[in-house]
Amino acid sequence: MRFNVITIFPDLILDYCTESILGRAQGLNVIDVQTVNLRDFSNDKHGSVDDTPYGGGAGMVMKPEPIYLALKQLSALSSQLNIESRKRTILLSPRGRQFDQQVAEEWSKLDEITFVCGRYEGVDQRVADHMVDEEISIGPYVLAGGELGALVIIEAISRLVPGVLGNEASLAEETFSPSVGVEYPQYTKPEDFYGWKVPEVLLSGHHQKIEDWRKGKAHE
């Protein structure tokens, strides 16, 4: 699966995606995370990608032209890679549909996802209206830019791609899976840690009682 991230801070994406699960998955060629530096598509010598807003107001707004040109280049590359149908282009935005596990499972079936990461006061509305498939938010709050949102979504989706996790059976009983909802509490050794003890039912060896306890705790 291929992820493209259009950003003015490509190193933020690349540094994170070379570590842990994502780094291992890229090493196995199960996923591919690529960045596009938006400043490469600026039309001035300073690499500017923003300008003052029409109608006045505080802050700067990201211009449509660099984003359009970046998406155009990625579209041509997708055609070369024969990625035509199962792909999606997303603008990270606090006003977008909220991302959740159900969306992650849906998008894990795609071949390619492209993220447009905004900065400054926002992105020219013509990007949302004409250049992307959807606006997506990771929560009801505002960040400095879309990069963290893109990383959250990339990791949530990648975990669902076959071959990414070392033990894929763990997906069956984890938090927010359809059969579980919220995951039950987990314990490991030592059995007694400063007087804080593991619940006796987990030490009983009685599988049905353990399953019932876990379901009850998840429901709580």
N, C-alpha and C. Protein backbone atom coordinates (compact mmCIF):
# COMPACT_ATOMS: atom_id res chain seq x y z
N MET A 1 0.84 -1.19 0.00
CA MET A 1 0.00 0.00 0.00
C MET A 1 0.88 1.24 0.00
N ARG A 2 0.46 2.25 -0.75
CA ARG A 2 1.28 3.45 -0.91
C ARG A 2 0.60 4.64 -0.22
N PHE A 3 1.39 5.39 0.55
CA PHE A 3 0.93 6.63 1.17
C PHE A 3 1.77 7.79 0.64
N ASN A 4 1.12 8.83 0.16
CA ASN A 4 1.79 10.05 -0.27
C ASN A 4 1.40 11.18 0.69
N VAL A 5 2.38 11.95 1.12
CA VAL A 5 2.10 13.05 2.04
C VAL A 5 2.66 14.34 1.44
N ILE A 6 1.76 15.26 1.11
CA ILE A 6 2.15 16.57 0.59
C ILE A 6 2.28 17.52 1.78
N THR A 7 3.48 18.05 1.97
CA THR A 7 3.77 18.80 3.19
C THR A 7 4.93 19.76 2.96
N ILE A 8 5.03 20.78 3.81
CA ILE A 8 6.21 21.65 3.77
C ILE A 8 7.27 21.18 4.78
N PHE A 9 6.96 20.10 5.51
CA PHE A 9 7.90 19.52 6.46
C PHE A 9 8.04 18.02 6.23
N PRO A 10 8.62 17.62 5.11
CA PRO A 10 8.72 16.19 4.80
C PRO A 10 9.50 15.38 5.82
N ASP A 11 10.48 15.98 6.46
CA ASP A 11 11.28 15.22 7.44
C ASP A 11 10.45 14.79 8.64
N LEU A 12 9.42 15.56 8.99
CA LEU A 12 8.55 15.16 10.10
C LEU A 12 7.91 13.80 9.81
N ILE A 13 7.53 13.60 8.58
CA ILE A 13 6.89 12.35 8.17
C ILE A 13 7.92 11.23 8.06
N LEU A 14 9.00 11.50 7.35
CA LEU A 14 9.98 10.45 7.07
C LEU A 14 10.66 9.95 8.34
N ASP A 15 10.97 10.84 9.26
CA ASP A 15 11.64 10.43 10.50
C ASP A 15 10.78 9.44 11.28
N TYR A 16 9.50 9.72 11.38
CA TYR A 16 8.62 8.84 12.15
C TYR A 16 8.42 7.51 11.42
N CYS A 17 8.28 7.56 10.13
CA CYS A 17 7.91 6.36 9.36
C CYS A 17 9.07 5.41 9.11
N THR A 18 10.27 5.76 9.55
CA THR A 18 11.40 4.84 9.44
C THR A 18 11.59 4.01 10.71
N GLU A 19 10.76 4.26 11.72
CA GLU A 19 10.91 3.58 13.00
C GLU A 19 9.78 2.57 13.23
N SER A 20 10.02 1.64 14.15
CA SER A 20 9.01 0.73 14.69
C SER A 20 8.26 -0.02 13.58
N ILE A 21 6.94 -0.15 13.75
CA ILE A 21 6.11 -0.94 12.85
C ILE A 21 6.18 -0.42 11.42
N LEU A 22 6.09 0.90 11.25
CA LEU A 22 6.07 1.46 9.89
C LEU A 22 7.42 1.27 9.20
N GLY A 23 8.50 1.43 9.94
CA GLY A 23 9.81 1.21 9.35
C GLY A 23 10.01 -0.22 8.93
N ARG A 24 9.58 -1.15 9.78
CA ARG A 24 9.71 -2.57 9.43
C ARG A 24 8.84 -2.93 8.23
N ALA A 25 7.63 -2.38 8.19
CA ALA A 25 6.72 -2.67 7.07
C ALA A 25 7.27 -2.14 5.76
N GLN A 26 7.93 -0.97 5.81
CA GLN A 26 8.54 -0.44 4.58
C GLN A 26 9.73 -1.29 4.16
N GLY A 27 10.49 -1.78 5.16
CA GLY A 27 11.61 -2.65 4.84
C GLY A 27 11.18 -3.93 4.17
N LEU A 28 9.97 -4.40 4.48
CA LEU A 28 9.41 -5.61 3.88
C LEU A 28 8.64 -5.31 2.60
N ASN A 29 8.59 -4.02 2.21
CA ASN A 29 7.87 -3.58 1.01
C ASN A 29 6.37 -3.88 1.08
N VAL A 30 5.83 -3.87 2.32
CA VAL A 30 4.39 -4.06 2.49
C VAL A 30 3.66 -2.73 2.33
N ILE A 31 4.28 -1.66 2.84
CA ILE A 31 3.77 -0.31 2.62
C ILE A 31 4.89 0.55 2.08
N ASP A 32 4.52 1.70 1.52
CA ASP A 32 5.49 2.64 0.98
C ASP A 32 5.02 4.04 1.34
N VAL A 33 5.79 4.77 2.14
CA VAL A 33 5.44 6.13 2.53
C VAL A 33 6.36 7.11 1.80
N GLN A 34 5.76 7.97 1.00
CA GLN A 34 6.51 8.95 0.22
C GLN A 34 6.05 10.35 0.57
N THR A 35 6.97 11.29 0.58
CA THR A 35 6.62 12.69 0.83
C THR A 35 6.82 13.53 -0.42
N VAL A 36 6.04 14.58 -0.51
CA VAL A 36 6.17 15.57 -1.58
C VAL A 36 6.34 16.93 -0.91
N ASN A 37 7.47 17.56 -1.15
CA ASN A 37 7.74 18.88 -0.57
C ASN A 37 6.98 19.93 -1.37
N LEU A 38 5.99 20.53 -0.75
CA LEU A 38 5.12 21.47 -1.46
C LEU A 38 5.89 22.67 -1.99
N ARG A 39 6.97 23.03 -1.31
CA ARG A 39 7.74 24.19 -1.77
C ARG A 39 8.39 23.96 -3.14
N ASP A 40 8.56 22.70 -3.52
CA ASP A 40 9.11 22.41 -4.84
C ASP A 40 8.18 22.86 -5.96
N PHE A 41 6.93 23.15 -5.62
CA PHE A 41 5.95 23.54 -6.63
C PHE A 41 5.56 25.00 -6.52
N SER A 42 6.33 25.76 -5.76
CA SER A 42 6.10 27.19 -5.65
C SER A 42 6.48 27.88 -6.96
N ASN A 43 5.82 29.00 -7.23
CA ASN A 43 6.11 29.73 -8.46
C ASN A 43 6.97 30.96 -8.22
N ASP A 44 7.63 31.04 -7.07
CA ASP A 44 8.56 32.15 -6.85
C ASP A 44 9.87 31.64 -6.27
N LYS A 45 10.88 32.49 -6.29
CA LYS A 45 12.23 32.07 -5.89
C LYS A 45 12.34 31.81 -4.40
N HIS A 46 11.38 32.29 -3.62
CA HIS A 46 11.43 32.10 -2.17
C HIS A 46 10.75 30.80 -1.72
N GLY A 47 10.13 30.10 -2.65
CA GLY A 47 9.45 28.87 -2.30
C GLY A 47 8.17 29.10 -1.50
N SER A 48 7.53 30.24 -1.72
CA SER A 48 6.32 30.58 -0.96
C SER A 48 5.15 29.70 -1.37
N VAL A 49 4.39 29.24 -0.39
CA VAL A 49 3.20 28.42 -0.68
C VAL A 49 1.96 29.02 -0.02
N ASP A 50 2.07 30.26 0.50
CA ASP A 50 0.95 30.89 1.18
C ASP A 50 0.87 32.35 0.79
N ASP A 51 -0.29 32.95 1.08
CA ASP A 51 -0.48 34.37 0.80
C ASP A 51 -1.58 34.91 1.71
N THR A 52 -1.77 36.23 1.67
CA THR A 52 -2.77 36.87 2.53
C THR A 52 -4.19 36.49 2.06
N PRO A 53 -5.15 36.42 2.98
CA PRO A 53 -6.50 36.02 2.62
C PRO A 53 -7.29 37.15 1.96
N TYR A 54 -8.07 36.81 0.94
CA TYR A 54 -9.02 37.77 0.39
C TYR A 54 -10.07 38.10 1.46
N GLY A 55 -10.46 39.37 1.52
CA GLY A 55 -11.44 39.80 2.51
C GLY A 55 -10.83 40.20 3.83
N GLY A 56 -9.50 40.03 3.96
CA GLY A 56 -8.82 40.40 5.18
C GLY A 56 -8.88 39.31 6.23
N GLY A 57 -8.22 39.55 7.33
CA GLY A 57 -8.20 38.58 8.40
C GLY A 57 -6.78 38.24 8.82
N ALA A 58 -6.68 37.57 9.96
CA ALA A 58 -5.36 37.23 10.50
C ALA A 58 -4.77 36.03 9.78
N GLY A 59 -3.44 35.97 9.77
CA GLY A 59 -2.76 34.78 9.27
C GLY A 59 -2.65 34.72 7.76
N MET A 60 -2.05 33.64 7.31
CA MET A 60 -1.82 33.39 5.89
C MET A 60 -2.57 32.13 5.47
N VAL A 61 -2.89 32.06 4.19
CA VAL A 61 -3.64 30.93 3.64
C VAL A 61 -2.79 30.22 2.59
N MET A 62 -2.79 28.90 2.62
CA MET A 62 -2.02 28.14 1.64
C MET A 62 -2.66 28.26 0.26
N LYS A 63 -1.83 28.53 -0.74
CA LYS A 63 -2.31 28.79 -2.10
C LYS A 63 -2.71 27.50 -2.81
N PRO A 64 -3.65 27.59 -3.75
CA PRO A 64 -4.11 26.38 -4.45
C PRO A 64 -3.13 25.85 -5.49
N GLU A 65 -2.38 26.75 -6.16
CA GLU A 65 -1.57 26.31 -7.29
C GLU A 65 -0.49 25.28 -6.93
N PRO A 66 0.32 25.51 -5.88
CA PRO A 66 1.33 24.48 -5.55
C PRO A 66 0.71 23.12 -5.24
N ILE A 67 -0.43 23.12 -4.53
CA ILE A 67 -1.10 21.86 -4.21
C ILE A 67 -1.62 21.19 -5.47
N TYR A 68 -2.18 21.98 -6.37
CA TYR A 68 -2.68 21.44 -7.64
C TYR A 68 -1.55 20.78 -8.43
N LEU A 69 -0.41 21.46 -8.50
CA LEU A 69 0.71 20.92 -9.27
C LEU A 69 1.28 19.66 -8.62
N ALA A 70 1.33 19.64 -7.29
CA ALA A 70 1.83 18.45 -6.59
C ALA A 70 0.91 17.27 -6.82
N LEU A 71 -0.40 17.50 -6.75
CA LEU A 71 -1.36 16.42 -6.99
C LEU A 71 -1.31 15.94 -8.43
N LYS A 72 -1.08 16.86 -9.35
CA LYS A 72 -0.98 16.49 -10.77
C LYS A 72 0.21 15.58 -11.00
N GLN A 73 1.34 15.89 -10.36
CA GLN A 73 2.52 15.04 -10.49
C GLN A 73 2.27 13.65 -9.91
N LEU A 74 1.62 13.61 -8.75
CA LEU A 74 1.33 12.33 -8.12
C LEU A 74 0.35 11.51 -8.96
N SER A 75 -0.59 12.17 -9.60
CA SER A 75 -1.54 11.46 -10.46
C SER A 75 -0.82 10.81 -11.63
N ALA A 76 0.13 11.52 -12.20
CA ALA A 76 0.91 10.96 -13.31
C ALA A 76 1.73 9.76 -12.84
N LEU A 77 2.28 9.86 -11.63
CA LEU A 77 3.06 8.75 -11.09
C LEU A 77 2.17 7.54 -10.82
N SER A 78 0.98 7.78 -10.30
CA SER A 78 0.04 6.69 -10.05
C SER A 78 -0.30 5.95 -11.34
N SER A 79 -0.44 6.70 -12.42
CA SER A 79 -0.73 6.08 -13.72
C SER A 79 0.43 5.18 -14.15
N GLN A 80 1.67 5.64 -13.91
CA GLN A 80 2.83 4.82 -14.25
C GLN A 80 2.87 3.54 -13.42
N LEU A 81 2.38 3.62 -12.17
CA LEU A 81 2.38 2.46 -11.28
C LEU A 81 1.11 1.63 -11.42
N ASN A 82 0.26 2.02 -12.38
CA ASN A 82 -1.02 1.34 -12.61
C ASN A 82 -1.94 1.37 -11.39
N ILE A 83 -1.87 2.48 -10.65
CA ILE A 83 -2.79 2.70 -9.53
C ILE A 83 -3.84 3.70 -10.01
N GLU A 84 -5.01 3.21 -10.34
CA GLU A 84 -6.02 4.08 -10.94
C GLU A 84 -7.30 4.16 -10.13
N SER A 85 -7.80 3.03 -9.65
CA SER A 85 -9.15 3.03 -9.07
C SER A 85 -9.18 3.08 -7.55
N ARG A 86 -8.40 2.24 -6.89
CA ARG A 86 -8.51 2.13 -5.43
C ARG A 86 -7.55 3.11 -4.76
N LYS A 87 -7.87 4.39 -4.86
CA LYS A 87 -7.04 5.42 -4.24
C LYS A 87 -7.93 6.55 -3.75
N ARG A 88 -7.38 7.35 -2.84
CA ARG A 88 -8.16 8.43 -2.24
C ARG A 88 -7.22 9.58 -1.89
N THR A 89 -7.73 10.81 -2.07
CA THR A 89 -6.97 12.01 -1.73
C THR A 89 -7.67 12.73 -0.60
N ILE A 90 -6.93 13.00 0.48
CA ILE A 90 -7.51 13.51 1.72
C ILE A 90 -6.87 14.84 2.10
N LEU A 91 -7.70 15.80 2.48
CA LEU A 91 -7.22 17.03 3.09
C LEU A 91 -7.43 16.94 4.59
N LEU A 92 -6.35 17.04 5.36
CA LEU A 92 -6.46 17.04 6.82
C LEU A 92 -7.05 18.37 7.26
N SER A 93 -8.17 18.32 7.99
CA SER A 93 -8.87 19.54 8.35
C SER A 93 -9.66 19.31 9.64
N PRO A 94 -9.64 20.26 10.60
CA PRO A 94 -10.41 20.08 11.84
C PRO A 94 -11.91 20.07 11.62
N ARG A 95 -12.37 20.51 10.45
CA ARG A 95 -13.81 20.52 10.19
C ARG A 95 -14.27 19.30 9.40
N GLY A 96 -13.34 18.39 9.10
CA GLY A 96 -13.68 17.23 8.30
C GLY A 96 -14.36 16.12 9.09
N ARG A 97 -14.78 15.08 8.38
CA ARG A 97 -15.34 13.89 9.03
C ARG A 97 -14.30 13.29 9.95
N GLN A 98 -14.71 12.87 11.14
CA GLN A 98 -13.74 12.38 12.11
C GLN A 98 -13.30 10.95 11.78
N PHE A 99 -12.00 10.78 11.75
CA PHE A 99 -11.39 9.48 11.49
C PHE A 99 -11.60 8.55 12.67
N ASP A 100 -11.93 7.27 12.39
CA ASP A 100 -12.06 6.28 13.44
C ASP A 100 -11.64 4.91 12.90
N GLN A 101 -11.77 3.88 13.74
CA GLN A 101 -11.32 2.55 13.35
C GLN A 101 -12.09 2.00 12.15
N GLN A 102 -13.35 2.35 12.05
CA GLN A 102 -14.14 1.89 10.91
C GLN A 102 -13.60 2.45 9.60
N VAL A 103 -13.22 3.73 9.61
CA VAL A 103 -12.62 4.33 8.43
C VAL A 103 -11.27 3.68 8.13
N ALA A 104 -10.49 3.41 9.17
CA ALA A 104 -9.19 2.75 8.99
C ALA A 104 -9.37 1.40 8.30
N GLU A 105 -10.35 0.62 8.73
CA GLU A 105 -10.58 -0.69 8.12
C GLU A 105 -11.03 -0.55 6.66
N GLU A 106 -11.86 0.43 6.41
CA GLU A 106 -12.32 0.67 5.04
C GLU A 106 -11.16 1.05 4.13
N TRP A 107 -10.31 1.97 4.59
CA TRP A 107 -9.21 2.46 3.76
C TRP A 107 -8.06 1.48 3.65
N SER A 108 -7.98 0.52 4.55
CA SER A 108 -6.90 -0.46 4.47
C SER A 108 -7.02 -1.33 3.22
N LYS A 109 -8.15 -1.28 2.54
CA LYS A 109 -8.36 -2.04 1.31
C LYS A 109 -7.92 -1.27 0.07
N LEU A 110 -7.54 -0.01 0.25
CA LEU A 110 -7.12 0.81 -0.89
C LEU A 110 -5.69 0.48 -1.30
N ASP A 111 -5.31 0.97 -2.48
CA ASP A 111 -3.94 0.82 -2.97
C ASP A 111 -3.08 2.04 -2.67
N GLU A 112 -3.74 3.21 -2.61
CA GLU A 112 -2.97 4.45 -2.43
C GLU A 112 -3.83 5.51 -1.74
N ILE A 113 -3.23 6.22 -0.78
CA ILE A 113 -3.87 7.36 -0.15
C ILE A 113 -2.90 8.53 -0.18
N THR A 114 -3.40 9.69 -0.61
CA THR A 114 -2.60 10.90 -0.63
C THR A 114 -3.16 11.89 0.38
N PHE A 115 -2.27 12.43 1.23
CA PHE A 115 -2.67 13.39 2.26
C PHE A 115 -2.15 14.78 1.90
N VAL A 116 -3.01 15.76 2.00
CA VAL A 116 -2.61 17.15 1.84
C VAL A 116 -2.59 17.76 3.24
N CYS A 117 -1.41 18.19 3.68
CA CYS A 117 -1.25 18.72 5.04
C CYS A 117 -1.25 20.24 5.01
N GLY A 118 -2.26 20.82 5.59
CA GLY A 118 -2.34 22.28 5.66
C GLY A 118 -1.44 22.84 6.74
N ARG A 119 -1.21 24.14 6.67
CA ARG A 119 -0.46 24.88 7.69
C ARG A 119 -1.03 26.29 7.73
N TYR A 120 -0.46 27.12 8.58
CA TYR A 120 -0.85 28.52 8.70
C TYR A 120 -2.32 28.64 9.12
N GLU A 121 -3.05 29.59 8.53
CA GLU A 121 -4.43 29.83 8.93
C GLU A 121 -5.41 28.86 8.26
N GLY A 122 -4.92 28.16 7.21
CA GLY A 122 -5.79 27.21 6.52
C GLY A 122 -5.37 27.05 5.07
N VAL A 123 -6.23 26.39 4.31
CA VAL A 123 -5.96 26.08 2.91
C VAL A 123 -7.05 26.71 2.04
N ASP A 124 -6.68 27.26 0.91
CA ASP A 124 -7.65 27.82 -0.03
C ASP A 124 -8.80 26.84 -0.25
N GLN A 125 -10.03 27.33 -0.14
CA GLN A 125 -11.21 26.47 -0.20
C GLN A 125 -11.31 25.69 -1.51
N ARG A 126 -10.71 26.19 -2.57
CA ARG A 126 -10.77 25.49 -3.86
C ARG A 126 -10.06 24.14 -3.84
N VAL A 127 -9.14 23.97 -2.89
CA VAL A 127 -8.50 22.65 -2.71
C VAL A 127 -9.54 21.65 -2.23
N ALA A 128 -10.29 22.03 -1.20
CA ALA A 128 -11.33 21.14 -0.66
C ALA A 128 -12.44 20.90 -1.67
N ASP A 129 -12.79 21.93 -2.42
CA ASP A 129 -13.92 21.83 -3.35
C ASP A 129 -13.61 21.04 -4.61
N HIS A 130 -12.36 21.10 -5.10
CA HIS A 130 -12.08 20.57 -6.43
C HIS A 130 -10.90 19.61 -6.53
N MET A 131 -10.07 19.48 -5.50
CA MET A 131 -8.84 18.72 -5.66
C MET A 131 -8.74 17.47 -4.80
N VAL A 132 -9.60 17.33 -3.80
CA VAL A 132 -9.52 16.16 -2.91
C VAL A 132 -10.86 15.45 -2.88
N ASP A 133 -10.82 14.22 -2.38
CA ASP A 133 -12.05 13.44 -2.24
C ASP A 133 -12.81 13.77 -0.97
N GLU A 134 -12.07 14.16 0.07
CA GLU A 134 -12.72 14.34 1.37
C GLU A 134 -11.81 15.09 2.32
N GLU A 135 -12.43 15.81 3.27
CA GLU A 135 -11.71 16.40 4.40
C GLU A 135 -11.86 15.47 5.60
N ILE A 136 -10.76 15.23 6.31
CA ILE A 136 -10.77 14.31 7.45
C ILE A 136 -10.11 14.99 8.65
N SER A 137 -10.70 14.77 9.83
CA SER A 137 -10.16 15.28 11.09
C SER A 137 -9.81 14.10 11.99
N ILE A 138 -8.80 14.28 12.84
CA ILE A 138 -8.50 13.23 13.84
C ILE A 138 -9.07 13.59 15.20
N GLY A 139 -9.80 14.69 15.28
CA GLY A 139 -10.41 15.04 16.55
C GLY A 139 -10.85 16.49 16.60
N PRO A 140 -11.71 16.85 17.55
CA PRO A 140 -12.26 18.20 17.64
C PRO A 140 -11.30 19.17 18.34
N TYR A 141 -10.18 19.40 17.72
CA TYR A 141 -9.19 20.35 18.24
C TYR A 141 -8.33 20.81 17.07
N VAL A 142 -7.52 21.83 17.30
CA VAL A 142 -6.72 22.42 16.22
C VAL A 142 -5.24 22.19 16.49
N LEU A 143 -4.52 21.72 15.46
CA LEU A 143 -3.07 21.55 15.53
C LEU A 143 -2.40 22.58 14.62
N ALA A 144 -1.09 22.65 14.68
CA ALA A 144 -0.35 23.60 13.84
C ALA A 144 -0.38 23.21 12.38
N GLY A 145 -0.60 21.93 12.10
CA GLY A 145 -0.62 21.48 10.71
C GLY A 145 -1.17 20.07 10.61
N GLY A 146 -1.25 19.57 9.38
CA GLY A 146 -1.87 18.27 9.16
C GLY A 146 -0.94 17.08 9.26
N GLU A 147 0.35 17.32 9.51
CA GLU A 147 1.32 16.22 9.50
C GLU A 147 1.03 15.16 10.57
N LEU A 148 0.73 15.60 11.79
CA LEU A 148 0.45 14.63 12.85
C LEU A 148 -0.81 13.83 12.52
N GLY A 149 -1.80 14.49 11.95
CA GLY A 149 -3.00 13.78 11.54
C GLY A 149 -2.71 12.73 10.49
N ALA A 150 -1.87 13.07 9.52
CA ALA A 150 -1.50 12.11 8.48
C ALA A 150 -0.78 10.91 9.09
N LEU A 151 0.12 11.15 10.05
CA LEU A 151 0.85 10.05 10.68
C LEU A 151 -0.08 9.15 11.48
N VAL A 152 -1.02 9.76 12.19
CA VAL A 152 -2.00 8.96 12.95
C VAL A 152 -2.75 8.03 12.01
N ILE A 153 -3.22 8.56 10.91
CA ILE A 153 -4.03 7.77 9.97
C ILE A 153 -3.18 6.70 9.30
N ILE A 154 -1.95 7.05 8.90
CA ILE A 154 -1.06 6.08 8.27
C ILE A 154 -0.80 4.90 9.19
N GLU A 155 -0.53 5.18 10.46
CA GLU A 155 -0.25 4.08 11.38
C GLU A 155 -1.49 3.23 11.64
N ALA A 156 -2.63 3.87 11.84
CA ALA A 156 -3.87 3.12 12.11
C ALA A 156 -4.23 2.20 10.94
N ILE A 157 -4.04 2.69 9.73
CA ILE A 157 -4.36 1.89 8.54
C ILE A 157 -3.31 0.80 8.33
N SER A 158 -2.05 1.16 8.47
CA SER A 158 -0.97 0.22 8.18
C SER A 158 -1.06 -1.03 9.05
N ARG A 159 -1.47 -0.87 10.30
CA ARG A 159 -1.58 -2.02 11.19
C ARG A 159 -2.57 -3.06 10.67
N LEU A 160 -3.50 -2.63 9.81
CA LEU A 160 -4.52 -3.52 9.28
C LEU A 160 -4.12 -4.16 7.96
N VAL A 161 -3.00 -3.72 7.40
CA VAL A 161 -2.53 -4.27 6.12
C VAL A 161 -1.82 -5.60 6.38
N PRO A 162 -2.22 -6.66 5.71
CA PRO A 162 -1.57 -7.97 5.92
C PRO A 162 -0.05 -7.89 5.77
N GLY A 163 0.65 -8.47 6.73
CA GLY A 163 2.11 -8.50 6.69
C GLY A 163 2.78 -7.43 7.51
N VAL A 164 2.01 -6.44 8.00
CA VAL A 164 2.61 -5.35 8.76
C VAL A 164 2.91 -5.76 10.20
N LEU A 165 1.94 -6.37 10.88
CA LEU A 165 2.13 -6.79 12.26
C LEU A 165 2.83 -8.14 12.33
N GLY A 166 3.69 -8.29 13.31
CA GLY A 166 4.35 -9.57 13.49
C GLY A 166 3.37 -10.66 13.90
N ASN A 167 2.38 -10.31 14.72
CA ASN A 167 1.37 -11.27 15.17
C ASN A 167 0.00 -10.71 14.80
N GLU A 168 -0.49 -11.07 13.62
CA GLU A 168 -1.74 -10.50 13.14
C GLU A 168 -2.95 -11.00 13.91
N ALA A 169 -2.79 -12.07 14.68
CA ALA A 169 -3.90 -12.55 15.50
C ALA A 169 -4.30 -11.53 16.54
N SER A 170 -3.38 -10.63 16.91
CA SER A 170 -3.69 -9.62 17.92
C SER A 170 -4.75 -8.64 17.45
N LEU A 171 -4.95 -8.54 16.14
CA LEU A 171 -5.97 -7.64 15.62
C LEU A 171 -7.37 -8.08 15.98
N ALA A 172 -7.56 -9.38 16.19
CA ALA A 172 -8.89 -9.93 16.41
C ALA A 172 -9.50 -9.48 17.72
N GLU A 173 -8.66 -9.19 18.73
CA GLU A 173 -9.20 -8.87 20.05
C GLU A 173 -8.67 -7.55 20.59
N GLU A 174 -8.38 -6.61 19.71
CA GLU A 174 -7.86 -5.36 20.21
C GLU A 174 -8.95 -4.30 20.27
N THR A 175 -8.59 -3.18 20.89
CA THR A 175 -9.54 -2.09 21.07
C THR A 175 -10.15 -1.64 19.75
N PHE A 176 -11.49 -1.46 19.78
CA PHE A 176 -12.28 -0.96 18.67
C PHE A 176 -12.48 -1.95 17.53
N SER A 177 -12.01 -3.22 17.70
CA SER A 177 -12.35 -4.22 16.70
C SER A 177 -13.83 -4.52 16.83
N PRO A 178 -14.52 -4.94 15.75
CA PRO A 178 -15.97 -5.12 15.78
C PRO A 178 -16.45 -6.07 16.86
N SER A 179 -15.66 -7.10 17.19
CA SER A 179 -16.11 -8.09 18.16
C SER A 179 -15.81 -7.71 19.60
N VAL A 180 -14.98 -6.67 19.80
CA VAL A 180 -14.54 -6.34 21.16
C VAL A 180 -15.06 -4.98 21.62
N GLY A 181 -14.97 -3.96 20.78
CA GLY A 181 -15.27 -2.61 21.22
C GLY A 181 -14.04 -2.04 21.89
N VAL A 182 -14.15 -1.70 23.17
CA VAL A 182 -12.98 -1.24 23.93
C VAL A 182 -12.32 -2.46 24.58
N GLU A 183 -11.01 -2.52 24.51
CA GLU A 183 -10.30 -3.71 24.97
C GLU A 183 -10.30 -3.82 26.49
N TYR A 184 -10.26 -5.04 26.98
CA TYR A 184 -10.21 -5.32 28.41
C TYR A 184 -8.83 -4.98 28.99
N PRO A 185 -8.70 -4.84 30.34
CA PRO A 185 -7.39 -4.58 30.96
C PRO A 185 -6.44 -5.75 30.77
N GLN A 186 -5.17 -5.42 30.62
CA GLN A 186 -4.13 -6.44 30.44
C GLN A 186 -3.15 -6.41 31.61
N TYR A 187 -2.64 -7.59 31.99
CA TYR A 187 -1.66 -7.72 33.07
C TYR A 187 -0.54 -8.67 32.64
N THR A 188 0.65 -8.47 33.21
CA THR A 188 1.76 -9.39 32.99
C THR A 188 2.55 -9.52 34.30
N LYS A 189 3.65 -10.22 34.28
CA LYS A 189 4.46 -10.44 35.48
C LYS A 189 5.11 -9.13 35.94
N PRO A 190 5.29 -8.90 37.24
CA PRO A 190 5.06 -9.86 38.33
C PRO A 190 3.59 -9.91 38.77
N GLU A 191 3.23 -11.00 39.41
CA GLU A 191 1.87 -11.19 39.89
C GLU A 191 1.51 -10.17 40.97
N ASP A 192 2.48 -9.82 41.80
CA ASP A 192 2.28 -8.85 42.88
C ASP A 192 3.34 -7.76 42.75
N PHE A 193 2.90 -6.54 42.49
CA PHE A 193 3.83 -5.43 42.31
C PHE A 193 3.49 -4.34 43.33
N TYR A 194 4.32 -4.25 44.38
CA TYR A 194 4.10 -3.31 45.47
C TYR A 194 2.70 -3.44 46.06
N GLY A 195 2.19 -4.65 46.13
CA GLY A 195 0.86 -4.88 46.69
C GLY A 195 -0.28 -4.75 45.71
N TRP A 196 0.03 -4.34 44.50
CA TRP A 196 -0.99 -4.24 43.45
C TRP A 196 -1.00 -5.58 42.72
N LYS A 197 -2.07 -6.33 42.90
CA LYS A 197 -2.09 -7.71 42.45
C LYS A 197 -2.90 -7.91 41.17
N VAL A 198 -2.50 -8.91 40.42
CA VAL A 198 -3.25 -9.33 39.24
C VAL A 198 -4.56 -9.96 39.70
N PRO A 199 -5.69 -9.65 39.08
CA PRO A 199 -6.97 -10.27 39.47
C PRO A 199 -6.87 -11.80 39.48
N GLU A 200 -7.41 -12.40 40.53
CA GLU A 200 -7.29 -13.85 40.71
C GLU A 200 -7.87 -14.64 39.56
N VAL A 201 -8.92 -14.13 38.93
CA VAL A 201 -9.56 -14.89 37.85
C VAL A 201 -8.57 -15.15 36.71
N LEU A 202 -7.62 -14.23 36.49
CA LEU A 202 -6.65 -14.41 35.40
C LEU A 202 -5.61 -15.46 35.73
N LEU A 203 -5.52 -15.83 37.00
CA LEU A 203 -4.57 -16.85 37.43
C LEU A 203 -5.23 -18.22 37.57
N SER A 204 -6.54 -18.26 37.35
CA SER A 204 -7.31 -19.47 37.65
C SER A 204 -7.13 -20.57 36.61
N GLY A 205 -6.78 -20.18 35.37
CA GLY A 205 -6.71 -21.18 34.31
C GLY A 205 -8.06 -21.58 33.77
N HIS A 206 -9.14 -20.98 34.25
CA HIS A 206 -10.50 -21.29 33.81
C HIS A 206 -10.84 -20.37 32.64
N HIS A 207 -10.78 -20.91 31.43
CA HIS A 207 -10.88 -20.07 30.23
C HIS A 207 -12.22 -19.36 30.11
N GLN A 208 -13.30 -20.03 30.46
CA GLN A 208 -14.61 -19.40 30.34
C GLN A 208 -14.76 -18.24 31.33
N LYS A 209 -14.29 -18.46 32.57
CA LYS A 209 -14.36 -17.39 33.56
C LYS A 209 -13.50 -16.20 33.13
N ILE A 210 -12.34 -16.49 32.56
CA ILE A 210 -11.45 -15.42 32.10
C ILE A 210 -12.12 -14.64 30.97
N GLU A 211 -12.73 -15.37 30.03
CA GLU A 211 -13.41 -14.70 28.91
C GLU A 211 -14.56 -13.84 29.40
N ASP A 212 -15.35 -14.36 30.34
CA ASP A 212 -16.47 -13.61 30.89
C ASP A 212 -15.98 -12.35 31.62
N TRP A 213 -14.88 -12.49 32.38
CA TRP A 213 -14.32 -11.33 33.09
C TRP A 213 -13.87 -10.26 32.10
N ARG A 214 -13.20 -10.69 31.05
CA ARG A 214 -12.71 -9.74 30.06
C ARG A 214 -13.85 -9.01 29.35
N LYS A 215 -14.89 -9.75 29.00
CA LYS A 215 -16.05 -9.12 28.34
C LYS A 215 -16.71 -8.12 29.28
N GLY A 216 -16.80 -8.49 30.56
CA GLY A 216 -17.40 -7.58 31.53
C GLY A 216 -16.60 -6.30 31.71
N LYS A 217 -15.29 -6.44 31.78
CA LYS A 217 -14.43 -5.27 31.93
C LYS A 217 -14.46 -4.38 30.69
N ALA A 218 -14.49 -4.99 29.52
CA ALA A 218 -14.58 -4.21 28.28
C ALA A 218 -15.90 -3.44 28.25
N HIS A 219 -16.96 -4.06 28.72
CA HIS A 219 -18.27 -3.39 28.74
C HIS A 219 -18.24 -2.22 29.70
N GLU A 220 -17.58 -2.38 30.86
CA GLU A 220 -17.46 -1.28 31.81
C GLU A 220 -16.77 -0.07 31.20
